[in-house]
Amino acid sequence: MAFRLLPRIPKLGLKPGQFCTRISRTLASRLALFVPPRSFSTNDPDSLKPATRKDIFDGFIPLNEIQISCSSASGPGGQHVNKNHTKVQIKFHIASATWIPEHLKPYLLEKESHRITKDGHFIIQSDRTRYQLLNQADCLERIRRMIRERLSEMNKPEVSAETLEKHRQCRIRENEKRLAVKRTDSMTKAYRRRPSQWDL
């Protein structure tokens, strides 16, 4: 029977209260080798802000560029609805919004015209819940979803005329097959039916 010699584990010489601290420091130093360093300048306050580009939307909506107002909600709720302003309305100017890609603004003005005032302000409101903060979060999430959907619509590739013609021919063939099956079923039912005195 063969035995394997295991490597000897050196003694760390740690006290009972120092074990977790020493191990955590060791792991932190090892993990630091795999994490790319990030440099922040204490003299530049903009270095702590998220990186922004004019042609993309990262989901960040600066609160200093939107107007948030609250009012009493409608519907059931009793005294809670009457006394608390839980309905939230968010309003912002599309043309001056720095967090919206520039090439998307004309498309928003066209597609979201039912939510935009004459002076170019986008308005959205929410009273889905009985809590003001949740309704505010709902408005912000709907704005993010709307912008992402409009961006995906703009980035969708245009369909060529040849592809459209193929789709049209395919629909015609499918319709002809459907009508042929329908006629066959109708004839089968007619053959199964018992002949009447008028058929004799």
C-alpha atoms as a PDB file:
ATOM      1  CA  MET A   1       0.000   0.000   0.000  1.00  0.00           C
ATOM      2  CA  ALA A   2       1.520   3.297  -1.139  1.00  0.00           C
ATOM      3  CA  PHE A   3       1.335   6.483   0.857  1.00  0.00           C
ATOM      4  CA  ARG A   4       1.522  10.035  -0.462  1.00  0.00           C
ATOM      5  CA  LEU A   5       3.433  12.611   1.453  1.00  0.00           C
ATOM      6  CA  LEU A   6       1.402  15.756   1.826  1.00  0.00           C
ATOM      7  CA  PRO A   7       3.185  19.110   1.834  1.00  0.00           C
ATOM      8  CA  ARG A   8       3.734  20.477   5.272  1.00  0.00           C
ATOM      9  CA  ILE A   9       1.537  23.409   6.128  1.00  0.00           C
ATOM     10  CA  PRO A  10       3.607  26.132   7.755  1.00  0.00           C
ATOM     11  CA  LYS A  11       2.451  27.602  11.009  1.00  0.00           C
ATOM     12  CA  LEU A  12       1.119  31.099  10.680  1.00  0.00           C
ATOM     13  CA  GLY A  13       1.780  32.015  14.262  1.00  0.00           C
ATOM     14  CA  LEU A  14      -1.517  33.863  14.570  1.00  0.00           C
ATOM     15  CA  LYS A  15      -3.587  34.521  17.588  1.00  0.00           C
ATOM     16  CA  PRO A  16      -7.248  33.421  17.549  1.00  0.00           C
ATOM     17  CA  GLY A  17      -8.514  36.940  16.816  1.00  0.00           C
ATOM     18  CA  GLN A  18      -6.022  37.616  14.007  1.00  0.00           C
ATOM     19  CA  PHE A  19      -6.862  34.715  11.698  1.00  0.00           C
ATOM     20  CA  CYS A  20      -9.751  36.287   9.765  1.00  0.00           C
ATOM     21  CA  THR A  21      -7.987  39.627   9.481  1.00  0.00           C
ATOM     22  CA  ARG A  22      -4.772  38.127   8.074  1.00  0.00           C
ATOM     23  CA  ILE A  23      -6.647  35.889   5.639  1.00  0.00           C
ATOM     24  CA  SER A  24      -8.885  38.729   4.416  1.00  0.00           C
ATOM     25  CA  ARG A  25      -5.872  40.967   3.817  1.00  0.00           C
ATOM     26  CA  THR A  26      -4.122  38.208   1.912  1.00  0.00           C
ATOM     27  CA  LEU A  27      -7.159  37.584  -0.292  1.00  0.00           C
ATOM     28  CA  ALA A  28      -7.579  41.301  -0.913  1.00  0.00           C
ATOM     29  CA  SER A  29      -3.960  41.624  -2.018  1.00  0.00           C
ATOM     30  CA  ARG A  30      -4.334  38.618  -4.336  1.00  0.00           C
ATOM     31  CA  LEU A  31      -7.576  39.901  -5.873  1.00  0.00           C
ATOM     32  CA  ALA A  32      -6.031  43.308  -6.452  1.00  0.00           C
ATOM     33  CA  LEU A  33      -3.845  41.719  -9.106  1.00  0.00           C
ATOM     34  CA  PHE A  34      -6.896  40.870 -11.234  1.00  0.00           C
ATOM     35  CA  VAL A  35      -8.814  44.134 -10.823  1.00  0.00           C
ATOM     36  CA  PRO A  36      -7.724  46.948 -13.152  1.00  0.00           C
ATOM     37  CA  PRO A  37      -6.862  50.081 -11.208  1.00  0.00           C
ATOM     38  CA  ARG A  38      -9.150  53.104 -11.419  1.00  0.00           C
ATOM     39  CA  SER A  39      -7.665  56.502 -10.872  1.00  0.00           C
ATOM     40  CA  PHE A  40      -9.771  59.289  -9.436  1.00  0.00           C
ATOM     41  CA  SER A  41      -8.556  62.796  -8.991  1.00  0.00           C
ATOM     42  CA  THR A  42      -9.568  64.520  -5.797  1.00  0.00           C
ATOM     43  CA  ASN A  43      -9.158  67.877  -7.480  1.00  0.00           C
ATOM     44  CA  ASP A  44     -11.578  67.060 -10.300  1.00  0.00           C
ATOM     45  CA  PRO A  45     -15.144  66.449  -9.046  1.00  0.00           C
ATOM     46  CA  ASP A  46     -16.226  65.268 -12.503  1.00  0.00           C
ATOM     47  CA  SER A  47     -13.991  62.195 -12.187  1.00  0.00           C
ATOM     48  CA  LEU A  48     -16.528  60.629  -9.812  1.00  0.00           C
ATOM     49  CA  LYS A  49     -19.377  61.059 -12.289  1.00  0.00           C
ATOM     50  CA  PRO A  50     -20.354  58.199 -14.632  1.00  0.00           C
ATOM     51  CA  ALA A  51     -18.773  58.234 -18.054  1.00  0.00           C
ATOM     52  CA  THR A  52     -21.137  59.704 -20.623  1.00  0.00           C
ATOM     53  CA  ARG A  53     -21.215  59.652 -24.398  1.00  0.00           C
ATOM     54  CA  LYS A  54     -23.418  61.637 -26.703  1.00  0.00           C
ATOM     55  CA  ASP A  55     -24.334  58.707 -28.938  1.00  0.00           C
ATOM     56  CA  ILE A  56     -25.422  56.132 -26.325  1.00  0.00           C
ATOM     57  CA  PHE A  57     -27.820  55.947 -23.388  1.00  0.00           C
ATOM     58  CA  ASP A  58     -26.522  54.197 -20.274  1.00  0.00           C
ATOM     59  CA  GLY A  59     -29.695  54.585 -18.199  1.00  0.00           C
ATOM     60  CA  PHE A  60     -28.395  57.469 -16.084  1.00  0.00           C
ATOM     61  CA  ILE A  61     -30.949  60.291 -15.685  1.00  0.00           C
ATOM     62  CA  PRO A  62     -29.585  63.345 -13.827  1.00  0.00           C
ATOM     63  CA  LEU A  63     -32.149  64.651 -11.372  1.00  0.00           C
ATOM     64  CA  ASN A  64     -30.995  68.238 -11.878  1.00  0.00           C
ATOM     65  CA  GLU A  65     -32.250  68.131 -15.488  1.00  0.00           C
ATOM     66  CA  ILE A  66     -35.788  66.959 -14.726  1.00  0.00           C
ATOM     67  CA  GLN A  67     -38.686  68.507 -12.820  1.00  0.00           C
ATOM     68  CA  ILE A  68     -40.476  66.294 -10.302  1.00  0.00           C
ATOM     69  CA  SER A  69     -43.861  67.346  -8.944  1.00  0.00           C
ATOM     70  CA  CYS A  70     -46.315  65.496  -6.711  1.00  0.00           C
ATOM     71  CA  SER A  71     -50.085  65.699  -6.350  1.00  0.00           C
ATOM     72  CA  SER A  72     -52.932  63.718  -4.859  1.00  0.00           C
ATOM     73  CA  ALA A  73     -53.808  60.546  -6.717  1.00  0.00           C
ATOM     74  CA  SER A  74     -57.229  59.574  -7.986  1.00  0.00           C
ATOM     75  CA  GLY A  75     -59.154  56.376  -7.383  1.00  0.00           C
ATOM     76  CA  PRO A  76     -59.776  54.348  -4.218  1.00  0.00           C
ATOM     77  CA  GLY A  77     -57.693  54.852  -1.130  1.00  0.00           C
ATOM     78  CA  GLY A  78     -59.761  56.797   1.376  1.00  0.00           C
ATOM     79  CA  GLN A  79     -58.067  59.397   3.544  1.00  0.00           C
ATOM     80  CA  HIS A  80     -54.622  58.220   2.454  1.00  0.00           C
ATOM     81  CA  VAL A  81     -55.305  59.427  -1.092  1.00  0.00           C
ATOM     82  CA  ASN A  82     -56.816  62.695   0.079  1.00  0.00           C
ATOM     83  CA  LYS A  83     -54.056  63.640   2.535  1.00  0.00           C
ATOM     84  CA  ASN A  84     -50.907  62.370   0.801  1.00  0.00           C
ATOM     85  CA  HIS A  85     -49.456  63.492  -2.503  1.00  0.00           C
ATOM     86  CA  THR A  86     -48.456  60.144  -3.970  1.00  0.00           C
ATOM     87  CA  LYS A  87     -48.986  60.877  -7.666  1.00  0.00           C
ATOM     88  CA  VAL A  88     -45.680  61.798  -9.331  1.00  0.00           C
ATOM     89  CA  GLN A  89     -45.161  63.747 -12.540  1.00  0.00           C
ATOM     90  CA  ILE A  90     -41.771  64.082 -14.241  1.00  0.00           C
ATOM     91  CA  LYS A  91     -41.144  66.769 -16.829  1.00  0.00           C
ATOM     92  CA  PHE A  92     -38.025  67.570 -18.830  1.00  0.00           C
ATOM     93  CA  HIS A  93     -37.043  69.473 -21.964  1.00  0.00           C
ATOM     94  CA  ILE A  94     -35.957  67.094 -24.709  1.00  0.00           C
ATOM     95  CA  ALA A  95     -33.836  69.538 -26.718  1.00  0.00           C
ATOM     96  CA  SER A  96     -31.708  70.558 -23.715  1.00  0.00           C
ATOM     97  CA  ALA A  97     -31.410  67.080 -22.144  1.00  0.00           C
ATOM     98  CA  THR A  98     -27.718  66.142 -22.167  1.00  0.00           C
ATOM     99  CA  TRP A  99     -28.384  62.501 -21.227  1.00  0.00           C
ATOM    100  CA  ILE A 100     -30.413  61.765 -24.389  1.00  0.00           C
ATOM    101  CA  PRO A 101     -28.449  60.954 -27.568  1.00  0.00           C
ATOM    102  CA  GLU A 102     -28.620  63.812 -30.045  1.00  0.00           C
ATOM    103  CA  HIS A 103     -29.636  61.652 -32.990  1.00  0.00           C
ATOM    104  CA  LEU A 104     -32.593  60.306 -30.979  1.00  0.00           C
ATOM    105  CA  LYS A 105     -34.181  63.648 -30.087  1.00  0.00           C
ATOM    106  CA  PRO A 106     -35.911  64.307 -33.460  1.00  0.00           C
ATOM    107  CA  TYR A 107     -37.223  60.735 -33.438  1.00  0.00           C
ATOM    108  CA  LEU A 108     -38.632  61.203 -29.931  1.00  0.00           C
ATOM    109  CA  LEU A 109     -40.329  64.441 -30.931  1.00  0.00           C
ATOM    110  CA  GLU A 110     -42.008  62.575 -33.774  1.00  0.00           C
ATOM    111  CA  LYS A 111     -42.968  59.295 -32.095  1.00  0.00           C
ATOM    112  CA  GLU A 112     -43.823  60.620 -28.610  1.00  0.00           C
ATOM    113  CA  SER A 113     -45.740  63.705 -29.737  1.00  0.00           C
ATOM    114  CA  HIS A 114     -48.745  62.740 -27.588  1.00  0.00           C
ATOM    115  CA  ARG A 115     -46.600  63.186 -24.452  1.00  0.00           C
ATOM    116  CA  ILE A 116     -44.763  66.337 -25.522  1.00  0.00           C
ATOM    117  CA  THR A 117     -46.047  69.863 -25.016  1.00  0.00           C
ATOM    118  CA  LYS A 118     -45.834  72.658 -27.568  1.00  0.00           C
ATOM    119  CA  ASP A 119     -42.639  74.010 -25.999  1.00  0.00           C
ATOM    120  CA  GLY A 120     -40.903  70.602 -26.231  1.00  0.00           C
ATOM    121  CA  HIS A 121     -41.344  69.289 -22.677  1.00  0.00           C
ATOM    122  CA  PHE A 122     -41.854  65.560 -22.185  1.00  0.00           C
ATOM    123  CA  ILE A 123     -44.358  64.739 -19.421  1.00  0.00           C
ATOM    124  CA  ILE A 124     -44.967  61.388 -17.769  1.00  0.00           C
ATOM    125  CA  GLN A 125     -46.830  60.586 -14.561  1.00  0.00           C
ATOM    126  CA  SER A 126     -47.536  57.586 -12.372  1.00  0.00           C
ATOM    127  CA  ASP A 127     -49.933  56.754  -9.531  1.00  0.00           C
ATOM    128  CA  ARG A 128     -49.673  52.969  -9.665  1.00  0.00           C
ATOM    129  CA  THR A 129     -48.793  52.586  -5.986  1.00  0.00           C
ATOM    130  CA  ARG A 130     -49.635  54.374  -2.747  1.00  0.00           C
ATOM    131  CA  TYR A 131     -46.036  55.447  -2.230  1.00  0.00           C
ATOM    132  CA  GLN A 132     -44.451  58.527  -3.717  1.00  0.00           C
ATOM    133  CA  LEU A 133     -40.951  57.076  -4.091  1.00  0.00           C
ATOM    134  CA  LEU A 134     -42.222  53.975  -5.876  1.00  0.00           C
ATOM    135  CA  ASN A 135     -44.216  56.087  -8.310  1.00  0.00           C
ATOM    136  CA  GLN A 136     -41.148  58.236  -8.954  1.00  0.00           C
ATOM    137  CA  ALA A 137     -39.082  55.124  -9.634  1.00  0.00           C
ATOM    138  CA  ASP A 138     -41.823  53.879 -11.964  1.00  0.00           C
ATOM    139  CA  CYS A 139     -41.691  57.117 -13.976  1.00  0.00           C
ATOM    140  CA  LEU A 140     -37.913  56.943 -14.311  1.00  0.00           C
ATOM    141  CA  GLU A 141     -38.003  53.302 -15.368  1.00  0.00           C
ATOM    142  CA  ARG A 142     -40.676  54.027 -17.984  1.00  0.00           C
ATOM    143  CA  ILE A 143     -38.513  56.826 -19.384  1.00  0.00           C
ATOM    144  CA  ARG A 144     -35.527  54.477 -19.612  1.00  0.00           C
ATOM    145  CA  ARG A 145     -37.608  51.768 -21.278  1.00  0.00           C
ATOM    146  CA  MET A 146     -39.077  54.263 -23.746  1.00  0.00           C
ATOM    147  CA  ILE A 147     -35.649  55.577 -24.762  1.00  0.00           C
ATOM    148  CA  ARG A 148     -34.209  52.075 -25.183  1.00  0.00           C
ATOM    149  CA  GLU A 149     -37.180  50.981 -27.306  1.00  0.00           C
ATOM    150  CA  ARG A 150     -36.893  54.030 -29.558  1.00  0.00           C
ATOM    151  CA  LEU A 151     -33.156  53.466 -29.935  1.00  0.00           C
ATOM    152  CA  SER A 152     -33.732  49.858 -30.961  1.00  0.00           C
ATOM    153  CA  GLU A 153     -36.303  51.014 -33.512  1.00  0.00           C
ATOM    154  CA  MET A 154     -33.836  53.469 -35.015  1.00  0.00           C
ATOM    155  CA  ASN A 155     -31.015  50.910 -35.137  1.00  0.00           C
ATOM    156  CA  LYS A 156     -33.186  48.275 -36.797  1.00  0.00           C
ATOM    157  CA  PRO A 157     -31.809  47.565 -40.297  1.00  0.00           C
ATOM    158  CA  GLU A 158     -33.946  48.568 -43.246  1.00  0.00           C
ATOM    159  CA  VAL A 159     -35.618  45.742 -45.158  1.00  0.00           C
ATOM    160  CA  SER A 160     -34.788  45.645 -48.850  1.00  0.00           C
ATOM    161  CA  ALA A 161     -37.421  45.552 -51.588  1.00  0.00           C
ATOM    162  CA  GLU A 162     -36.316  42.047 -52.567  1.00  0.00           C
ATOM    163  CA  THR A 163     -36.920  40.749 -49.047  1.00  0.00           C
ATOM    164  CA  LEU A 164     -40.345  42.373 -48.929  1.00  0.00           C
ATOM    165  CA  GLU A 165     -41.257  40.723 -52.230  1.00  0.00           C
ATOM    166  CA  LYS A 166     -40.167  37.317 -50.912  1.00  0.00           C
ATOM    167  CA  HIS A 167     -42.318  37.772 -47.835  1.00  0.00           C
ATOM    168  CA  ARG A 168     -45.286  38.747 -50.006  1.00  0.00           C
ATOM    169  CA  GLN A 169     -44.897  35.689 -52.233  1.00  0.00           C
ATOM    170  CA  CYS A 170     -44.591  33.482 -49.149  1.00  0.00           C
ATOM    171  CA  ARG A 171     -47.831  34.875 -47.741  1.00  0.00           C
ATOM    172  CA  ILE A 172     -49.575  34.237 -51.066  1.00  0.00           C
ATOM    173  CA  ARG A 173     -48.419  30.611 -51.130  1.00  0.00           C
ATOM    174  CA  GLU A 174     -49.473  30.055 -47.535  1.00  0.00           C
ATOM    175  CA  ASN A 175     -52.896  31.488 -48.300  1.00  0.00           C
ATOM    176  CA  GLU A 176     -53.298  29.211 -51.336  1.00  0.00           C
ATOM    177  CA  LYS A 177     -52.372  26.164 -49.243  1.00  0.00           C
ATOM    178  CA  ARG A 178     -54.865  27.170 -46.588  1.00  0.00           C
ATOM    179  CA  LEU A 179     -57.662  27.522 -49.150  1.00  0.00           C
ATOM    180  CA  ALA A 180     -56.777  24.167 -50.753  1.00  0.00           C
ATOM    181  CA  VAL A 181     -56.964  22.387 -47.385  1.00  0.00           C
ATOM    182  CA  LYS A 182     -60.247  24.114 -46.688  1.00  0.00           C
ATOM    183  CA  ARG A 183     -61.728  22.957 -50.011  1.00  0.00           C
ATOM    184  CA  THR A 184     -60.527  19.399 -49.401  1.00  0.00           C
ATOM    185  CA  ASP A 185     -62.127  19.296 -45.956  1.00  0.00           C
ATOM    186  CA  SER A 186     -65.358  20.667 -47.370  1.00  0.00           C
ATOM    187  CA  MET A 187     -65.481  17.990 -50.085  1.00  0.00           C
ATOM    188  CA  THR A 188     -64.707  15.249 -47.542  1.00  0.00           C
ATOM    189  CA  LYS A 189     -67.602  16.365 -45.353  1.00  0.00           C
ATOM    190  CA  ALA A 190     -69.886  16.462 -48.390  1.00  0.00           C
ATOM    191  CA  TYR A 191     -69.037  12.837 -49.328  1.00  0.00           C
ATOM    192  CA  ARG A 192     -69.700  11.663 -45.762  1.00  0.00           C
ATOM    193  CA  ARG A 193     -73.086  13.307 -45.600  1.00  0.00           C
ATOM    194  CA  ARG A 194     -76.090  11.037 -46.183  1.00  0.00           C
ATOM    195  CA  PRO A 195     -77.734  11.854 -49.511  1.00  0.00           C
ATOM    196  CA  SER A 196     -81.132  13.455 -49.304  1.00  0.00           C
ATOM    197  CA  GLN A 197     -84.129  12.838 -51.534  1.00  0.00           C
ATOM    198  CA  TRP A 198     -83.138  15.794 -53.694  1.00  0.00           C
ATOM    199  CA  ASP A 199     -79.775  14.169 -54.472  1.00  0.00           C
ATOM    200  CA  LEU A 200     -81.382  10.938 -55.801  1.00  0.00           C
END
